């Protein structure tokens, strides 16, 4: 899917034995802005210089400034759908950038 040339992304399965899926995009995520801008149904669990961990729809997400989003304990179509939702939320709230 492409939402502008820099917002192309790919969904990966980083490890065959882990129940995680990963979305990588060309753009960057402003994790500080995301912490404040995401809707009330997204719970911030931890924020450090290198990642933001969230709870959303019963799943744990890790967001990285490099443009990586990981959803844990989710596989297949459910994971893909959740990653696309999180991407859309971040885009809608202005948390994504080219660099």
PDB file of N, CA and C in Angstrom:
ATOM      1  N   UNK A   1       0.847  -1.175   0.000  1.00  0.00           N
ATOM      2  CA  UNK A   1       0.000   0.000   0.000  1.00  0.00           C
ATOM      3  C   UNK A   1       0.887   1.230   0.000  1.00  0.00           C
ATOM      4  N   UNK A   2       0.458   2.272  -0.656  1.00  0.00           N
ATOM      5  CA  UNK A   2       1.241   3.491  -0.732  1.00  0.00           C
ATOM      6  C   UNK A   2       0.370   4.693  -0.406  1.00  0.00           C
ATOM      7  N   UNK A   3       0.808   5.499   0.528  1.00  0.00           N
ATOM      8  CA  UNK A   3       0.122   6.741   0.871  1.00  0.00           C
ATOM      9  C   UNK A   3       1.126   7.868   0.678  1.00  0.00           C
ATOM     10  N   UNK A   4       1.575   8.050  -0.565  1.00  0.00           N
ATOM     11  CA  UNK A   4       2.666   8.957  -0.868  1.00  0.00           C
ATOM     12  C   UNK A   4       3.922   8.123  -0.982  1.00  0.00           C
ATOM     13  N   UNK A   5       4.865   8.574  -1.772  1.00  0.00           N
ATOM     14  CA  UNK A   5       6.064   7.778  -2.046  1.00  0.00           C
ATOM     15  C   UNK A   5       6.821   7.392  -0.779  1.00  0.00           C
ATOM     16  N   UNK A   6       6.898   8.288   0.188  1.00  0.00           N
ATOM     17  CA  UNK A   6       7.667   7.976   1.391  1.00  0.00           C
ATOM     18  C   UNK A   6       6.879   7.148   2.389  1.00  0.00           C
ATOM     19  N   UNK A   7       5.586   6.972   2.180  1.00  0.00           N
ATOM     20  CA  UNK A   7       4.773   6.228   3.131  1.00  0.00           C
ATOM     21  C   UNK A   7       4.446   4.816   2.658  1.00  0.00           C
ATOM     22  N   UNK A   8       5.212   4.290   1.755  1.00  0.00           N
ATOM     23  CA  UNK A   8       5.043   2.895   1.378  1.00  0.00           C
ATOM     24  C   UNK A   8       5.458   2.031   2.562  1.00  0.00           C
ATOM     25  N   UNK A   9       4.803   0.899   2.703  1.00  0.00           N
ATOM     26  CA  UNK A   9       5.185  -0.001   3.788  1.00  0.00           C
ATOM     27  C   UNK A   9       5.086  -1.440   3.347  1.00  0.00           C
ATOM     28  N   UNK A  10       5.704  -2.295   4.160  1.00  0.00           N
ATOM     29  CA  UNK A  10       5.654  -3.731   3.944  1.00  0.00           C
ATOM     30  C   UNK A  10       5.396  -4.383   5.304  1.00  0.00           C
ATOM     31  N   UNK A  11       4.631  -5.468   5.303  1.00  0.00           N
ATOM     32  CA  UNK A  11       4.361  -6.206   6.541  1.00  0.00           C
ATOM     33  C   UNK A  11       5.149  -7.507   6.489  1.00  0.00           C
ATOM     34  N   UNK A  12       5.920  -7.752   7.553  1.00  0.00           N
ATOM     35  CA  UNK A  12       6.813  -8.902   7.624  1.00  0.00           C
ATOM     36  C   UNK A  12       6.495  -9.779   8.820  1.00  0.00           C
ATOM     37  N   UNK A  13       6.957 -11.003   8.749  1.00  0.00           N
ATOM     38  CA  UNK A  13       6.934 -11.911   9.890  1.00  0.00           C
ATOM     39  C   UNK A  13       8.390 -12.104  10.303  1.00  0.00           C
ATOM     40  N   UNK A  14       8.864 -11.367  11.328  1.00  0.00           N
ATOM     41  CA  UNK A  14      10.284 -11.377  11.647  1.00  0.00           C
ATOM     42  C   UNK A  14      10.840 -12.721  12.101  1.00  0.00           C
ATOM     43  N   UNK A  15      10.011 -13.573  12.655  1.00  0.00           N
ATOM     44  CA  UNK A  15      10.483 -14.868  13.139  1.00  0.00           C
ATOM     45  C   UNK A  15       9.347 -15.878  12.985  1.00  0.00           C
ATOM     46  N   UNK A  16       9.656 -17.020  12.430  1.00  0.00           N
ATOM     47  CA  UNK A  16       8.600 -18.013  12.199  1.00  0.00           C
ATOM     48  C   UNK A  16       8.008 -18.571  13.480  1.00  0.00           C
ATOM     49  N   UNK A  17       8.753 -18.569  14.568  1.00  0.00           N
ATOM     50  CA  UNK A  17       8.238 -19.131  15.814  1.00  0.00           C
ATOM     51  C   UNK A  17       7.569 -18.085  16.707  1.00  0.00           C
ATOM     52  N   UNK A  18       7.814 -16.818  16.454  1.00  0.00           N
ATOM     53  CA  UNK A  18       7.228 -15.761  17.291  1.00  0.00           C
ATOM     54  C   UNK A  18       5.853 -15.369  16.760  1.00  0.00           C
ATOM     55  N   UNK A  19       4.957 -15.043  17.671  1.00  0.00           N
ATOM     56  CA  UNK A  19       3.630 -14.570  17.281  1.00  0.00           C
ATOM     57  C   UNK A  19       3.662 -13.050  17.191  1.00  0.00           C
ATOM     58  N   UNK A  20       4.437 -12.557  16.239  1.00  0.00           N
ATOM     59  CA  UNK A  20       4.524 -11.121  16.012  1.00  0.00           C
ATOM     60  C   UNK A  20       4.494 -10.845  14.520  1.00  0.00           C
ATOM     61  N   UNK A  21       4.099  -9.635  14.183  1.00  0.00           N
ATOM     62  CA  UNK A  21       4.175  -9.156  12.808  1.00  0.00           C
ATOM     63  C   UNK A  21       4.750  -7.749  12.873  1.00  0.00           C
ATOM     64  N   UNK A  22       5.408  -7.378  11.810  1.00  0.00           N
ATOM     65  CA  UNK A  22       6.112  -6.104  11.778  1.00  0.00           C
ATOM     66  C   UNK A  22       5.742  -5.335  10.517  1.00  0.00           C
ATOM     67  N   UNK A  23       5.515  -4.034  10.681  1.00  0.00           N
ATOM     68  CA  UNK A  23       5.293  -3.155   9.551  1.00  0.00           C
ATOM     69  C   UNK A  23       6.501  -2.227   9.475  1.00  0.00           C
ATOM     70  N   UNK A  24       7.093  -2.132   8.291  1.00  0.00           N
ATOM     71  CA  UNK A  24       8.211  -1.203   8.079  1.00  0.00           C
ATOM     72  C   UNK A  24       7.824  -0.234   6.983  1.00  0.00           C
ATOM     73  N   UNK A  25       8.117   1.027   7.227  1.00  0.00           N
ATOM     74  CA  UNK A  25       7.794   2.056   6.240  1.00  0.00           C
ATOM     75  C   UNK A  25       9.040   2.867   5.915  1.00  0.00           C
ATOM     76  N   UNK A  26       8.971   3.580   4.814  1.00  0.00           N
ATOM     77  CA  UNK A  26      10.088   4.454   4.432  1.00  0.00           C
ATOM     78  C   UNK A  26      10.134   5.705   5.300  1.00  0.00           C
ATOM     79  N   UNK A  27       9.002   6.140   5.787  1.00  0.00           N
ATOM     80  CA  UNK A  27       8.937   7.343   6.617  1.00  0.00           C
ATOM     81  C   UNK A  27       9.351   7.062   8.051  1.00  0.00           C
ATOM     82  N   UNK A  28       9.290   8.092   8.854  1.00  0.00           N
ATOM     83  CA  UNK A  28       9.658   8.032  10.266  1.00  0.00           C
ATOM     84  C   UNK A  28       8.419   8.236  11.136  1.00  0.00           C
ATOM     85  N   UNK A  29       8.496   7.781  12.383  1.00  0.00           N
ATOM     86  CA  UNK A  29       7.419   7.975  13.348  1.00  0.00           C
ATOM     87  C   UNK A  29       7.907   8.925  14.433  1.00  0.00           C
ATOM     88  N   UNK A  30       7.145   9.978  14.689  1.00  0.00           N
ATOM     89  CA  UNK A  30       7.442  10.878  15.799  1.00  0.00           C
ATOM     90  C   UNK A  30       6.771  10.271  17.033  1.00  0.00           C
ATOM     91  N   UNK A  31       7.542   9.501  17.808  1.00  0.00           N
ATOM     92  CA  UNK A  31       6.947   8.763  18.934  1.00  0.00           C
ATOM     93  C   UNK A  31       6.500   9.690  20.061  1.00  0.00           C
ATOM     94  N   UNK A  32       7.150  10.822  20.217  1.00  0.00           N
ATOM     95  CA  UNK A  32       6.725  11.797  21.244  1.00  0.00           C
ATOM     96  C   UNK A  32       5.353  12.381  20.882  1.00  0.00           C
ATOM     97  N   UNK A  33       5.184  12.708  19.621  1.00  0.00           N
ATOM     98  CA  UNK A  33       3.898  13.231  19.161  1.00  0.00           C
ATOM     99  C   UNK A  33       2.828  12.150  19.255  1.00  0.00           C
ATOM    100  N   UNK A  34       3.178  10.918  18.883  1.00  0.00           N
ATOM    101  CA  UNK A  34       2.230   9.803  18.942  1.00  0.00           C
ATOM    102  C   UNK A  34       1.728   9.575  20.358  1.00  0.00           C
ATOM    103  N   UNK A  35       2.628   9.679  21.330  1.00  0.00           N
ATOM    104  CA  UNK A  35       2.241   9.464  22.725  1.00  0.00           C
ATOM    105  C   UNK A  35       1.101  10.403  23.130  1.00  0.00           C
ATOM    106  N   UNK A  36       1.152  11.642  22.653  1.00  0.00           N
ATOM    107  CA  UNK A  36       0.143  12.633  23.036  1.00  0.00           C
ATOM    108  C   UNK A  36      -1.069  12.665  22.110  1.00  0.00           C
ATOM    109  N   UNK A  37      -0.890  12.254  20.853  1.00  0.00           N
ATOM    110  CA  UNK A  37      -1.934  12.451  19.847  1.00  0.00           C
ATOM    111  C   UNK A  37      -2.889  11.274  19.653  1.00  0.00           C
ATOM    112  N   UNK A  38      -2.483  10.083  20.035  1.00  0.00           N
ATOM    113  CA  UNK A  38      -3.332   8.918  19.775  1.00  0.00           C
ATOM    114  C   UNK A  38      -4.591   8.959  20.637  1.00  0.00           C
ATOM    115  N   UNK A  39      -5.676   8.364  20.166  1.00  0.00           N
ATOM    116  CA  UNK A  39      -6.961   8.445  20.871  1.00  0.00           C
ATOM    117  C   UNK A  39      -6.948   7.749  22.239  1.00  0.00           C
ATOM    118  N   UNK A  40      -7.953   8.033  23.070  1.00  0.00           N
ATOM    119  CA  UNK A  40      -8.011   7.487  24.433  1.00  0.00           C
ATOM    120  C   UNK A  40      -8.048   5.959  24.514  1.00  0.00           C
ATOM    121  N   UNK A  41      -8.486   5.280  23.448  1.00  0.00           N
ATOM    122  CA  UNK A  41      -8.521   3.817  23.510  1.00  0.00           C
ATOM    123  C   UNK A  41      -7.149   3.187  23.267  1.00  0.00           C
ATOM    124  N   UNK A  42      -6.114   4.019  23.104  1.00  0.00           N
ATOM    125  CA  UNK A  42      -4.738   3.550  22.985  1.00  0.00           C
ATOM    126  C   UNK A  42      -4.036   3.889  24.295  1.00  0.00           C
ATOM    127  N   UNK A  43      -3.581   2.866  25.024  1.00  0.00           N
ATOM    128  CA  UNK A  43      -2.907   3.075  26.307  1.00  0.00           C
ATOM    129  C   UNK A  43      -1.404   3.054  26.122  1.00  0.00           C
ATOM    130  N   UNK A  44      -0.740   4.109  26.566  1.00  0.00           N
ATOM    131  CA  UNK A  44       0.718   4.166  26.522  1.00  0.00           C
ATOM    132  C   UNK A  44       1.260   3.346  27.687  1.00  0.00           C
ATOM    133  N   UNK A  45       2.094   2.363  27.389  1.00  0.00           N
ATOM    134  CA  UNK A  45       2.685   1.507  28.416  1.00  0.00           C
ATOM    135  C   UNK A  45       4.090   1.957  28.784  1.00  0.00           C
ATOM    136  N   UNK A  46       4.863   2.416  27.784  1.00  0.00           N
ATOM    137  CA  UNK A  46       6.235   2.869  28.040  1.00  0.00           C
ATOM    138  C   UNK A  46       6.689   3.767  26.906  1.00  0.00           C
ATOM    139  N   UNK A  47       7.479   4.781  27.264  1.00  0.00           N
ATOM    140  CA  UNK A  47       8.084   5.664  26.276  1.00  0.00           C
ATOM    141  C   UNK A  47       9.536   5.866  26.664  1.00  0.00           C
ATOM    142  N   UNK A  48      10.441   5.538  25.747  1.00  0.00           N
ATOM    143  CA  UNK A  48      11.866   5.774  25.946  1.00  0.00           C
ATOM    144  C   UNK A  48      12.374   6.564  24.744  1.00  0.00           C
ATOM    145  N   UNK A  49      13.649   6.807  24.693  1.00  0.00           N
ATOM    146  CA  UNK A  49      14.236   7.499  23.545  1.00  0.00           C
ATOM    147  C   UNK A  49      14.157   6.666  22.272  1.00  0.00           C
ATOM    148  N   UNK A  50      14.079   5.335  22.415  1.00  0.00           N
ATOM    149  CA  UNK A  50      14.168   4.460  21.236  1.00  0.00           C
ATOM    150  C   UNK A  50      12.870   3.760  20.854  1.00  0.00           C
ATOM    151  N   UNK A  51      11.851   3.758  21.705  1.00  0.00           N
ATOM    152  CA  UNK A  51      10.588   3.123  21.335  1.00  0.00           C
ATOM    153  C   UNK A  51       9.437   3.615  22.192  1.00  0.00           C
ATOM    154  N   UNK A  52       8.230   3.384  21.682  1.00  0.00           N
ATOM    155  CA  UNK A  52       6.986   3.655  22.387  1.00  0.00           C
ATOM    156  C   UNK A  52       6.200   2.358  22.386  1.00  0.00           C
ATOM    157  N   UNK A  53       5.781   1.902  23.559  1.00  0.00           N
ATOM    158  CA  UNK A  53       4.983   0.686  23.666  1.00  0.00           C
ATOM    159  C   UNK A  53       3.554   1.069  24.038  1.00  0.00           C
ATOM    160  N   UNK A  54       2.606   0.498  23.289  1.00  0.00           N
ATOM    161  CA  UNK A  54       1.191   0.820  23.445  1.00  0.00           C
ATOM    162  C   UNK A  54       0.360  -0.447  23.612  1.00  0.00           C
ATOM    163  N   UNK A  55      -0.798  -0.307  24.222  1.00  0.00           N
ATOM    164  CA  UNK A  55      -1.816  -1.362  24.219  1.00  0.00           C
ATOM    165  C   UNK A  55      -2.989  -0.831  23.410  1.00  0.00           C
ATOM    166  N   UNK A  56      -3.426  -1.634  22.435  1.00  0.00           N
ATOM    167  CA  UNK A  56      -4.535  -1.243  21.568  1.00  0.00           C
ATOM    168  C   UNK A  56      -5.290  -2.490  21.154  1.00  0.00           C
ATOM    169  N   UNK A  57      -6.581  -2.498  21.401  1.00  0.00           N
ATOM    170  CA  UNK A  57      -7.442  -3.636  21.067  1.00  0.00           C
ATOM    171  C   UNK A  57      -6.911  -4.946  21.643  1.00  0.00           C
ATOM    172  N   UNK A  58      -6.410  -4.878  22.862  1.00  0.00           N
ATOM    173  CA  UNK A  58      -5.939  -6.073  23.562  1.00  0.00           C
ATOM    174  C   UNK A  58      -4.578  -6.588  23.125  1.00  0.00           C
ATOM    175  N   UNK A  59      -3.875  -5.843  22.294  1.00  0.00           N
ATOM    176  CA  UNK A  59      -2.557  -6.270  21.802  1.00  0.00           C
ATOM    177  C   UNK A  59      -1.509  -5.229  22.176  1.00  0.00           C
ATOM    178  N   UNK A  60      -0.268  -5.677  22.272  1.00  0.00           N
ATOM    179  CA  UNK A  60       0.852  -4.801  22.565  1.00  0.00           C
ATOM    180  C   UNK A  60       1.555  -4.417  21.267  1.00  0.00           C
ATOM    181  N   UNK A  61       1.814  -3.123  21.115  1.00  0.00           N
ATOM    182  CA  UNK A  61       2.505  -2.587  19.949  1.00  0.00           C
ATOM    183  C   UNK A  61       3.779  -1.893  20.400  1.00  0.00           C
ATOM    184  N   UNK A  62       4.830  -2.016  19.610  1.00  0.00           N
ATOM    185  CA  UNK A  62       6.039  -1.230  19.810  1.00  0.00           C
ATOM    186  C   UNK A  62       6.257  -0.397  18.557  1.00  0.00           C
ATOM    187  N   UNK A  63       6.457   0.902  18.755  1.00  0.00           N
ATOM    188  CA  UNK A  63       6.679   1.837  17.652  1.00  0.00           C
ATOM    189  C   UNK A  63       8.089   2.384  17.787  1.00  0.00           C
ATOM    190  N   UNK A  64       8.787   2.473  16.669  1.00  0.00           N
ATOM    191  CA  UNK A  64      10.167   2.942  16.648  1.00  0.00           C
ATOM    192  C   UNK A  64      10.281   4.148  15.721  1.00  0.00           C
ATOM    193  N   UNK A  65      11.104   5.141  16.092  1.00  0.00           N
ATOM    194  CA  UNK A  65      11.268   6.321  15.241  1.00  0.00           C
ATOM    195  C   UNK A  65      11.715   5.988  13.815  1.00  0.00           C
ATOM    196  N   UNK A  66      12.386   4.879  13.625  1.00  0.00           N
ATOM    197  CA  UNK A  66      12.878   4.479  12.302  1.00  0.00           C
ATOM    198  C   UNK A  66      11.747   4.138  11.332  1.00  0.00           C
ATOM    199  N   UNK A  67      10.520   3.998  11.842  1.00  0.00           N
ATOM    200  CA  UNK A  67       9.382   3.674  10.985  1.00  0.00           C
ATOM    201  C   UNK A  67       8.905   2.243  11.126  1.00  0.00           C
ATOM    202  N   UNK A  68       9.327   1.579  12.179  1.00  0.00           N
ATOM    203  CA  UNK A  68       8.923   0.187  12.401  1.00  0.00           C
ATOM    204  C   UNK A  68       7.821   0.131  13.450  1.00  0.00           C
ATOM    205  N   UNK A  69       6.790  -0.687  13.171  1.00  0.00           N
ATOM    206  CA  UNK A  69       5.708  -0.959  14.119  1.00  0.00           C
ATOM    207  C   UNK A  69       5.631  -2.472  14.283  1.00  0.00           C
ATOM    208  N   UNK A  70       5.643  -2.940  15.530  1.00  0.00           N
ATOM    209  CA  UNK A  70       5.533  -4.372  15.812  1.00  0.00           C
ATOM    210  C   UNK A  70       4.274  -4.608  16.627  1.00  0.00           C
ATOM    211  N   UNK A  71       3.484  -5.614  16.234  1.00  0.00           N
ATOM    212  CA  UNK A  71       2.345  -6.041  17.043  1.00  0.00           C
ATOM    213  C   UNK A  71       2.690  -7.430  17.579  1.00  0.00           C
ATOM    214  N   UNK A  72       2.483  -7.618  18.888  1.00  0.00           N
ATOM    215  CA  UNK A  72       2.847  -8.876  19.543  1.00  0.00           C
ATOM    216  C   UNK A  72       1.614  -9.731  19.800  1.00  0.00           C
ATOM    217  N   UNK A  73       1.834 -11.018  19.870  1.00  0.00           N
ATOM    218  CA  UNK A  73       0.767 -11.997  20.139  1.00  0.00           C
ATOM    219  C   UNK A  73      -0.374 -11.916  19.135  1.00  0.00           C
ATOM    220  N   UNK A  74      -0.017 -11.741  17.880  1.00  0.00           N
ATOM    221  CA  UNK A  74      -1.001 -11.669  16.811  1.00  0.00           C
ATOM    222  C   UNK A  74      -0.372 -12.195  15.528  1.00  0.00           C
ATOM    223  N   UNK A  75      -1.167 -12.901  14.736  1.00  0.00           N
ATOM    224  CA  UNK A  75      -0.653 -13.496  13.508  1.00  0.00           C
ATOM    225  C   UNK A  75      -1.635 -13.295  12.364  1.00  0.00           C
ATOM    226  N   UNK A  76      -1.187 -13.613  11.181  1.00  0.00           N
ATOM    227  CA  UNK A  76      -2.033 -13.672   9.999  1.00  0.00           C
ATOM    228  C   UNK A  76      -2.788 -12.393   9.708  1.00  0.00           C
ATOM    229  N   UNK A  77      -4.028 -12.570   9.263  1.00  0.00           N
ATOM    230  CA  UNK A  77      -4.860 -11.441   8.849  1.00  0.00           C
ATOM    231  C   UNK A  77      -5.177 -10.491   9.994  1.00  0.00           C
ATOM    232  N   UNK A  78      -5.351 -11.037  11.199  1.00  0.00           N
ATOM    233  CA  UNK A  78      -5.607 -10.176  12.355  1.00  0.00           C
ATOM    234  C   UNK A  78      -4.446  -9.205  12.544  1.00  0.00           C
ATOM    235  N   UNK A  79      -3.223  -9.704  12.506  1.00  0.00           N
ATOM    236  CA  UNK A  79      -2.041  -8.866  12.697  1.00  0.00           C
ATOM    237  C   UNK A  79      -1.931  -7.821  11.586  1.00  0.00           C
ATOM    238  N   UNK A  80      -2.148  -8.237  10.351  1.00  0.00           N
ATOM    239  CA  UNK A  80      -2.076  -7.297   9.224  1.00  0.00           C
ATOM    240  C   UNK A  80      -3.099  -6.182   9.385  1.00  0.00           C
ATOM    241  N   UNK A  81      -4.300  -6.544   9.768  1.00  0.00           N
ATOM    242  CA  UNK A  81      -5.367  -5.565   9.953  1.00  0.00           C
ATOM    243  C   UNK A  81      -5.017  -4.576  11.070  1.00  0.00           C
ATOM    244  N   UNK A  82      -4.512  -5.089  12.187  1.00  0.00           N
ATOM    245  CA  UNK A  82      -4.137  -4.230  13.311  1.00  0.00           C
ATOM    246  C   UNK A  82      -2.994  -3.288  12.942  1.00  0.00           C
ATOM    247  N   UNK A  83      -2.008  -3.786  12.218  1.00  0.00           N
ATOM    248  CA  UNK A  83      -0.886  -2.948  11.792  1.00  0.00           C
ATOM    249  C   UNK A  83      -1.355  -1.841  10.850  1.00  0.00           C
ATOM    250  N   UNK A  84      -2.241  -2.181   9.929  1.00  0.00           N
ATOM    251  CA  UNK A  84      -2.772  -1.173   9.006  1.00  0.00           C
ATOM    252  C   UNK A  84      -3.580  -0.116   9.769  1.00  0.00           C
ATOM    253  N   UNK A  85      -4.340  -0.554  10.776  1.00  0.00           N
ATOM    254  CA  UNK A  85      -5.102   0.383  11.608  1.00  0.00           C
ATOM    255  C   UNK A  85      -4.186   1.341  12.341  1.00  0.00           C
ATOM    256  N   UNK A  86      -3.116   0.794  12.945  1.00  0.00           N
ATOM    257  CA  UNK A  86      -2.180   1.631  13.693  1.00  0.00           C
ATOM    258  C   UNK A  86      -1.494   2.617  12.751  1.00  0.00           C
ATOM    259  N   UNK A  87      -1.105   2.154  11.573  1.00  0.00           N
ATOM    260  CA  UNK A  87      -0.500   3.027  10.566  1.00  0.00           C
ATOM    261  C   UNK A  87      -1.453   4.175  10.220  1.00  0.00           C
ATOM    262  N   UNK A  88      -2.718   3.854   9.981  1.00  0.00           N
ATOM    263  CA  UNK A  88      -3.728   4.862   9.630  1.00  0.00           C
ATOM    264  C   UNK A  88      -3.930   5.863  10.772  1.00  0.00           C
ATOM    265  N   UNK A  89      -3.950   5.370  12.014  1.00  0.00           N
ATOM    266  CA  UNK A  89      -4.092   6.264  13.168  1.00  0.00           C
ATOM    267  C   UNK A  89      -2.922   7.239  13.244  1.00  0.00           C
ATOM    268  N   UNK A  90      -1.711   6.719  13.080  1.00  0.00           N
ATOM    269  CA  UNK A  90      -0.523   7.559  13.142  1.00  0.00           C
ATOM    270  C   UNK A  90      -0.518   8.593  12.026  1.00  0.00           C
ATOM    271  N   UNK A  91      -0.930   8.169  10.838  1.00  0.00           N
ATOM    272  CA  UNK A  91      -0.980   9.094   9.712  1.00  0.00           C
ATOM    273  C   UNK A  91      -2.022  10.182   9.954  1.00  0.00           C
ATOM    274  N   UNK A  92      -3.204   9.778  10.398  1.00  0.00           N
ATOM    275  CA  UNK A  92      -4.303  10.724  10.646  1.00  0.00           C
ATOM    276  C   UNK A  92      -3.924  11.770  11.697  1.00  0.00           C
ATOM    277  N   UNK A  93      -3.166  11.358  12.697  1.00  0.00           N
ATOM    278  CA  UNK A  93      -2.778  12.264  13.789  1.00  0.00           C
ATOM    279  C   UNK A  93      -1.498  13.050  13.488  1.00  0.00           C
ATOM    280  N   UNK A  94      -0.944  12.865  12.271  1.00  0.00           N
ATOM    281  CA  UNK A  94       0.232  13.637  11.871  1.00  0.00           C
ATOM    282  C   UNK A  94       1.526  13.201  12.526  1.00  0.00           C
ATOM    283  N   UNK A  95       1.622  11.929  12.864  1.00  0.00           N
ATOM    284  CA  UNK A  95       2.806  11.407  13.553  1.00  0.00           C
ATOM    285  C   UNK A  95       3.843  10.813  12.619  1.00  0.00           C
ATOM    286  N   UNK A  96       3.582  10.820  11.313  1.00  0.00           N
ATOM    287  CA  UNK A  96       4.492  10.243  10.334  1.00  0.00           C
ATOM    288  C   UNK A  96       5.144  11.374   9.536  1.00  0.00           C
ATOM    289  N   UNK A  97       6.406  11.163   9.161  1.00  0.00           N
ATOM    290  CA  UNK A  97       7.092  12.153   8.342  1.00  0.00           C
ATOM    291  C   UNK A  97       8.059  11.478   7.393  1.00  0.00           C
ATOM    292  N   UNK A  98       8.526  12.263   6.428  1.00  0.00           N
ATOM    293  CA  UNK A  98       9.459  11.741   5.438  1.00  0.00           C
ATOM    294  C   UNK A  98      10.821  11.450   6.037  1.00  0.00           C
ATOM    295  N   UNK A  99      11.257  12.271   6.953  1.00  0.00           N
ATOM    296  CA  UNK A  99      12.597  12.077   7.534  1.00  0.00           C
ATOM    297  C   UNK A  99      12.638  12.410   8.986  1.00  0.00           C
TER     298      UNK A  99
END
